[in-house]
Amino acid sequence: MITNRLSKTLAAALNAQMTKEAHASQIYLSYGVWAASQGFGGTANFLFRHAQEERDHMTKILEYILQRGAQVQITAIPAPPENPVSIVNCFEKVFEHEVDNTKEIYKIVKMSLLEEDWATSNFLQWFVKEQVEEETLAMELLDKMKLTGAEKANNSALYSLDRDLGKAPDETKSAEDVTAENP
């Protein structure tokens, strides 16, 4: 008896996205190591936590593929890109990566809608919301970089930003979760 409830194209796309999430984890891990080597311990901590979050995203997709009765394909993860050249460049690269990941999620959402796979479309809405949060967080970090003076930031400003990142919560609030009572 065939128990697979994913089309071949959706199973392939979800497997590819699972690998992209693993790659994202490696990118955050790599940038965290770079930040630590530059003396940005708080930033490294922040990036290491996000590496784990991306790995959790990978696992979430893996579990969904299995729940739908399809085959999980574990493939090689590409090497992370070159190290950033500065702390500002680090977060520019993070933002670019998140935007690229959003585009890939949207492609799979569109595919699920075209195939009328409502379960997969519903599953992917969590990732759509997550990507809004990830892009927002990256934009906020870039805004903070601008406030410090970006590439011309003095050591005191960078120290404060690094300290704040080390203490930052792991997740930002989505606009749909915010109310007047719970801003």
C-alpha atoms as a PDB file:
ATOM      1  CA  MET A   1       0.000   0.000   0.000  1.00  0.00           C
ATOM      2  CA  ILE A   2       1.317   3.418  -0.977  1.00  0.00           C
ATOM      3  CA  THR A   3       1.145   5.871   1.921  1.00  0.00           C
ATOM      4  CA  ASN A   4       2.987   8.817   0.316  1.00  0.00           C
ATOM      5  CA  ARG A   5       0.771  11.907   0.232  1.00  0.00           C
ATOM      6  CA  LEU A   6       3.290  14.274  -1.364  1.00  0.00           C
ATOM      7  CA  SER A   7       3.796  14.657  -5.083  1.00  0.00           C
ATOM      8  CA  LYS A   8       7.270  13.938  -6.404  1.00  0.00           C
ATOM      9  CA  THR A   9       7.777  17.637  -7.126  1.00  0.00           C
ATOM     10  CA  LEU A  10       6.711  18.779  -3.666  1.00  0.00           C
ATOM     11  CA  ALA A  11       8.742  16.059  -1.962  1.00  0.00           C
ATOM     12  CA  ALA A  12      11.795  17.131  -3.978  1.00  0.00           C
ATOM     13  CA  ALA A  13      11.200  20.809  -3.178  1.00  0.00           C
ATOM     14  CA  LEU A  14      10.768  20.120   0.534  1.00  0.00           C
ATOM     15  CA  ASN A  15      13.897  17.975   0.584  1.00  0.00           C
ATOM     16  CA  ALA A  16      15.800  20.778  -1.153  1.00  0.00           C
ATOM     17  CA  GLN A  17      14.468  23.287   1.387  1.00  0.00           C
ATOM     18  CA  MET A  18      15.497  20.977   4.206  1.00  0.00           C
ATOM     19  CA  THR A  19      19.042  21.110   2.828  1.00  0.00           C
ATOM     20  CA  LYS A  20      18.809  24.903   2.512  1.00  0.00           C
ATOM     21  CA  GLU A  21      17.878  25.129   6.193  1.00  0.00           C
ATOM     22  CA  ALA A  22      20.875  22.941   7.070  1.00  0.00           C
ATOM     23  CA  HIS A  23      23.032  25.223   4.923  1.00  0.00           C
ATOM     24  CA  ALA A  24      21.600  28.267   6.709  1.00  0.00           C
ATOM     25  CA  SER A  25      22.608  26.672   9.997  1.00  0.00           C
ATOM     26  CA  GLN A  26      26.144  26.253   8.677  1.00  0.00           C
ATOM     27  CA  ILE A  27      26.206  29.883   7.529  1.00  0.00           C
ATOM     28  CA  TYR A  28      25.172  31.164  10.954  1.00  0.00           C
ATOM     29  CA  LEU A  29      27.661  28.815  12.590  1.00  0.00           C
ATOM     30  CA  SER A  30      30.444  30.010  10.295  1.00  0.00           C
ATOM     31  CA  TYR A  31      29.624  33.676  10.880  1.00  0.00           C
ATOM     32  CA  GLY A  32      29.455  33.000  14.626  1.00  0.00           C
ATOM     33  CA  VAL A  33      32.935  31.510  14.560  1.00  0.00           C
ATOM     34  CA  TRP A  34      34.136  34.531  12.574  1.00  0.00           C
ATOM     35  CA  ALA A  35      32.514  36.935  15.077  1.00  0.00           C
ATOM     36  CA  ALA A  36      34.095  35.097  18.004  1.00  0.00           C
ATOM     37  CA  SER A  37      37.518  35.276  16.351  1.00  0.00           C
ATOM     38  CA  GLN A  38      37.043  39.041  15.957  1.00  0.00           C
ATOM     39  CA  GLY A  39      36.258  39.498  19.645  1.00  0.00           C
ATOM     40  CA  PHE A  40      32.487  39.856  19.231  1.00  0.00           C
ATOM     41  CA  GLY A  41      31.410  37.250  21.791  1.00  0.00           C
ATOM     42  CA  GLY A  42      27.845  38.536  22.140  1.00  0.00           C
ATOM     43  CA  THR A  43      27.365  38.555  18.376  1.00  0.00           C
ATOM     44  CA  ALA A  44      28.860  35.060  18.173  1.00  0.00           C
ATOM     45  CA  ASN A  45      26.411  33.849  20.832  1.00  0.00           C
ATOM     46  CA  PHE A  46      23.527  35.396  18.893  1.00  0.00           C
ATOM     47  CA  LEU A  47      24.670  33.754  15.642  1.00  0.00           C
ATOM     48  CA  PHE A  48      25.237  30.370  17.306  1.00  0.00           C
ATOM     49  CA  ARG A  49      21.673  30.449  18.671  1.00  0.00           C
ATOM     50  CA  HIS A  50      20.386  31.219  15.193  1.00  0.00           C
ATOM     51  CA  ALA A  51      22.411  28.329  13.783  1.00  0.00           C
ATOM     52  CA  GLN A  52      20.453  26.045  16.111  1.00  0.00           C
ATOM     53  CA  GLU A  53      17.176  27.678  15.108  1.00  0.00           C
ATOM     54  CA  GLU A  54      17.911  26.965  11.437  1.00  0.00           C
ATOM     55  CA  ARG A  55      18.714  23.358  12.312  1.00  0.00           C
ATOM     56  CA  ASP A  56      15.336  23.192  14.071  1.00  0.00           C
ATOM     57  CA  HIS A  57      13.711  24.432  10.844  1.00  0.00           C
ATOM     58  CA  MET A  58      15.468  21.660   8.951  1.00  0.00           C
ATOM     59  CA  THR A  59      14.160  19.091  11.414  1.00  0.00           C
ATOM     60  CA  LYS A  60      10.638  20.496  11.173  1.00  0.00           C
ATOM     61  CA  ILE A  61      10.660  19.939   7.398  1.00  0.00           C
ATOM     62  CA  LEU A  62      12.209  16.489   7.771  1.00  0.00           C
ATOM     63  CA  GLU A  63       9.463  15.440  10.189  1.00  0.00           C
ATOM     64  CA  TYR A  64       6.757  16.787   7.874  1.00  0.00           C
ATOM     65  CA  ILE A  65       8.099  14.828   4.900  1.00  0.00           C
ATOM     66  CA  LEU A  66       8.061  11.678   7.026  1.00  0.00           C
ATOM     67  CA  GLN A  67       4.528  12.391   8.320  1.00  0.00           C
ATOM     68  CA  ARG A  68       3.298  12.662   4.747  1.00  0.00           C
ATOM     69  CA  GLY A  69       4.796   9.274   3.926  1.00  0.00           C
ATOM     70  CA  ALA A  70       7.423  10.572   1.503  1.00  0.00           C
ATOM     71  CA  GLN A  71      11.107   9.771   1.352  1.00  0.00           C
ATOM     72  CA  VAL A  72      13.590  12.063   3.098  1.00  0.00           C
ATOM     73  CA  GLN A  73      16.738  12.664   1.073  1.00  0.00           C
ATOM     74  CA  ILE A  74      19.805  13.687   3.065  1.00  0.00           C
ATOM     75  CA  THR A  75      22.243  15.432   0.738  1.00  0.00           C
ATOM     76  CA  ALA A  76      25.523  17.279   1.069  1.00  0.00           C
ATOM     77  CA  ILE A  77      25.419  20.758   2.521  1.00  0.00           C
ATOM     78  CA  PRO A  78      27.304  23.384   0.532  1.00  0.00           C
ATOM     79  CA  ALA A  79      30.180  25.121   2.270  1.00  0.00           C
ATOM     80  CA  PRO A  80      29.271  28.463   3.823  1.00  0.00           C
ATOM     81  CA  PRO A  81      30.247  31.581   1.884  1.00  0.00           C
ATOM     82  CA  GLU A  82      33.397  33.530   2.644  1.00  0.00           C
ATOM     83  CA  ASN A  83      33.670  35.177   6.027  1.00  0.00           C
ATOM     84  CA  PRO A  84      32.346  38.695   6.404  1.00  0.00           C
ATOM     85  CA  VAL A  85      34.862  41.520   6.186  1.00  0.00           C
ATOM     86  CA  SER A  86      33.237  43.512   8.996  1.00  0.00           C
ATOM     87  CA  ILE A  87      30.440  43.261  11.535  1.00  0.00           C
ATOM     88  CA  VAL A  88      28.225  45.382   9.261  1.00  0.00           C
ATOM     89  CA  ASN A  89      28.997  43.105   6.314  1.00  0.00           C
ATOM     90  CA  CYS A  90      28.127  40.121   8.522  1.00  0.00           C
ATOM     91  CA  PHE A  91      24.590  41.357   9.036  1.00  0.00           C
ATOM     92  CA  GLU A  92      24.247  42.476   5.422  1.00  0.00           C
ATOM     93  CA  LYS A  93      25.064  38.898   4.423  1.00  0.00           C
ATOM     94  CA  VAL A  94      22.582  37.556   6.998  1.00  0.00           C
ATOM     95  CA  PHE A  95      19.845  39.790   5.562  1.00  0.00           C
ATOM     96  CA  GLU A  96      20.614  38.760   1.973  1.00  0.00           C
ATOM     97  CA  HIS A  97      20.547  35.103   2.952  1.00  0.00           C
ATOM     98  CA  GLU A  98      17.191  35.459   4.716  1.00  0.00           C
ATOM     99  CA  VAL A  99      15.649  37.234   1.715  1.00  0.00           C
ATOM    100  CA  ASP A 100      16.897  34.463  -0.559  1.00  0.00           C
ATOM    101  CA  ASN A 101      15.462  31.829   1.784  1.00  0.00           C
ATOM    102  CA  THR A 102      12.103  33.632   1.786  1.00  0.00           C
ATOM    103  CA  LYS A 103      11.994  33.482  -2.017  1.00  0.00           C
ATOM    104  CA  GLU A 104      12.586  29.727  -1.905  1.00  0.00           C
ATOM    105  CA  ILE A 105       9.830  29.203   0.680  1.00  0.00           C
ATOM    106  CA  TYR A 106       7.437  31.228  -1.485  1.00  0.00           C
ATOM    107  CA  LYS A 107       8.211  29.005  -4.494  1.00  0.00           C
ATOM    108  CA  ILE A 108       7.216  25.915  -2.524  1.00  0.00           C
ATOM    109  CA  VAL A 109       4.066  27.631  -1.212  1.00  0.00           C
ATOM    110  CA  LYS A 110       3.086  28.485  -4.794  1.00  0.00           C
ATOM    111  CA  MET A 111       3.774  24.910  -5.869  1.00  0.00           C
ATOM    112  CA  SER A 112       1.606  23.543  -3.054  1.00  0.00           C
ATOM    113  CA  LEU A 113      -1.243  25.866  -4.033  1.00  0.00           C
ATOM    114  CA  LEU A 114      -0.999  24.932  -7.705  1.00  0.00           C
ATOM    115  CA  GLU A 115      -1.096  21.247  -6.744  1.00  0.00           C
ATOM    116  CA  GLU A 116      -3.966  21.916  -4.331  1.00  0.00           C
ATOM    117  CA  ASP A 117      -1.978  20.289  -1.538  1.00  0.00           C
ATOM    118  CA  TRP A 118      -3.704  22.145   1.280  1.00  0.00           C
ATOM    119  CA  ALA A 119      -1.860  20.292   4.031  1.00  0.00           C
ATOM    120  CA  THR A 120       1.527  21.357   2.689  1.00  0.00           C
ATOM    121  CA  SER A 121       0.305  24.887   2.050  1.00  0.00           C
ATOM    122  CA  ASN A 122      -0.892  25.066   5.643  1.00  0.00           C
ATOM    123  CA  PHE A 123       2.381  23.598   6.948  1.00  0.00           C
ATOM    124  CA  LEU A 124       4.406  26.170   5.019  1.00  0.00           C
ATOM    125  CA  GLN A 125       2.514  29.113   6.505  1.00  0.00           C
ATOM    126  CA  TRP A 126       4.589  28.687   9.655  1.00  0.00           C
ATOM    127  CA  PHE A 127       7.726  29.216   7.532  1.00  0.00           C
ATOM    128  CA  VAL A 128       6.197  32.234   5.787  1.00  0.00           C
ATOM    129  CA  LYS A 129       5.586  33.846   9.179  1.00  0.00           C
ATOM    130  CA  GLU A 130       9.047  32.806  10.386  1.00  0.00           C
ATOM    131  CA  GLN A 131      10.703  34.415   7.377  1.00  0.00           C
ATOM    132  CA  VAL A 132       8.906  37.701   8.062  1.00  0.00           C
ATOM    133  CA  GLU A 133      10.368  37.551  11.572  1.00  0.00           C
ATOM    134  CA  GLU A 134      13.850  36.630  10.314  1.00  0.00           C
ATOM    135  CA  GLU A 135      13.934  39.424   7.726  1.00  0.00           C
ATOM    136  CA  THR A 136      12.619  41.919  10.284  1.00  0.00           C
ATOM    137  CA  LEU A 137      15.282  40.910  12.785  1.00  0.00           C
ATOM    138  CA  ALA A 138      18.035  41.271  10.170  1.00  0.00           C
ATOM    139  CA  MET A 139      16.721  44.698   9.120  1.00  0.00           C
ATOM    140  CA  GLU A 140      16.594  45.822  12.755  1.00  0.00           C
ATOM    141  CA  LEU A 141      20.197  44.720  13.219  1.00  0.00           C
ATOM    142  CA  LEU A 142      21.237  46.668  10.142  1.00  0.00           C
ATOM    143  CA  ASP A 143      19.383  49.714  11.494  1.00  0.00           C
ATOM    144  CA  LYS A 144      21.298  49.367  14.766  1.00  0.00           C
ATOM    145  CA  MET A 145      24.515  49.176  12.796  1.00  0.00           C
ATOM    146  CA  LYS A 146      23.624  52.458  11.101  1.00  0.00           C
ATOM    147  CA  LEU A 147      22.953  54.036  14.500  1.00  0.00           C
ATOM    148  CA  THR A 148      26.428  53.047  15.687  1.00  0.00           C
ATOM    149  CA  GLY A 149      27.971  54.643  12.615  1.00  0.00           C
ATOM    150  CA  ALA A 150      28.097  51.471  10.525  1.00  0.00           C
ATOM    151  CA  GLU A 151      31.605  50.903   9.177  1.00  0.00           C
ATOM    152  CA  LYS A 152      32.859  53.982  11.050  1.00  0.00           C
ATOM    153  CA  ALA A 153      31.489  52.887  14.428  1.00  0.00           C
ATOM    154  CA  ASN A 154      33.760  53.475  17.383  1.00  0.00           C
ATOM    155  CA  ASN A 155      34.781  50.658  19.703  1.00  0.00           C
ATOM    156  CA  SER A 156      32.412  51.807  22.449  1.00  0.00           C
ATOM    157  CA  ALA A 157      29.385  51.621  20.131  1.00  0.00           C
ATOM    158  CA  LEU A 158      30.443  48.211  18.822  1.00  0.00           C
ATOM    159  CA  TYR A 159      31.002  46.959  22.359  1.00  0.00           C
ATOM    160  CA  SER A 160      27.502  48.069  23.403  1.00  0.00           C
ATOM    161  CA  LEU A 161      25.922  46.484  20.337  1.00  0.00           C
ATOM    162  CA  ASP A 162      27.833  43.246  20.886  1.00  0.00           C
ATOM    163  CA  ARG A 163      26.788  43.142  24.550  1.00  0.00           C
ATOM    164  CA  ASP A 164      23.146  43.760  23.608  1.00  0.00           C
ATOM    165  CA  LEU A 165      23.208  41.000  20.980  1.00  0.00           C
ATOM    166  CA  GLY A 166      24.551  38.561  23.530  1.00  0.00           C
ATOM    167  CA  LYS A 167      21.525  39.272  25.713  1.00  0.00           C
ATOM    168  CA  ALA A 168      18.967  39.533  22.892  1.00  0.00           C
ATOM    169  CA  PRO A 169      15.987  37.182  22.965  1.00  0.00           C
ATOM    170  CA  ASP A 170      15.999  34.485  20.324  1.00  0.00           C
ATOM    171  CA  GLU A 171      12.797  35.530  18.639  1.00  0.00           C
ATOM    172  CA  THR A 172      11.140  38.772  17.622  1.00  0.00           C
ATOM    173  CA  LYS A 173       7.406  39.320  17.839  1.00  0.00           C
ATOM    174  CA  SER A 174       5.422  39.177  14.650  1.00  0.00           C
ATOM    175  CA  ALA A 175       3.085  42.082  13.977  1.00  0.00           C
ATOM    176  CA  GLU A 176       0.106  39.722  14.011  1.00  0.00           C
ATOM    177  CA  ASP A 177       0.996  38.685  17.559  1.00  0.00           C
ATOM    178  CA  VAL A 178       1.252  42.217  18.894  1.00  0.00           C
ATOM    179  CA  THR A 179      -1.683  43.934  20.570  1.00  0.00           C
ATOM    180  CA  ALA A 180      -2.120  47.202  22.444  1.00  0.00           C
ATOM    181  CA  GLU A 181      -1.961  45.206  25.676  1.00  0.00           C
ATOM    182  CA  ASN A 182       1.047  43.160  24.572  1.00  0.00           C
ATOM    183  CA  PRO A 183       3.234  45.414  22.378  1.00  0.00           C
END
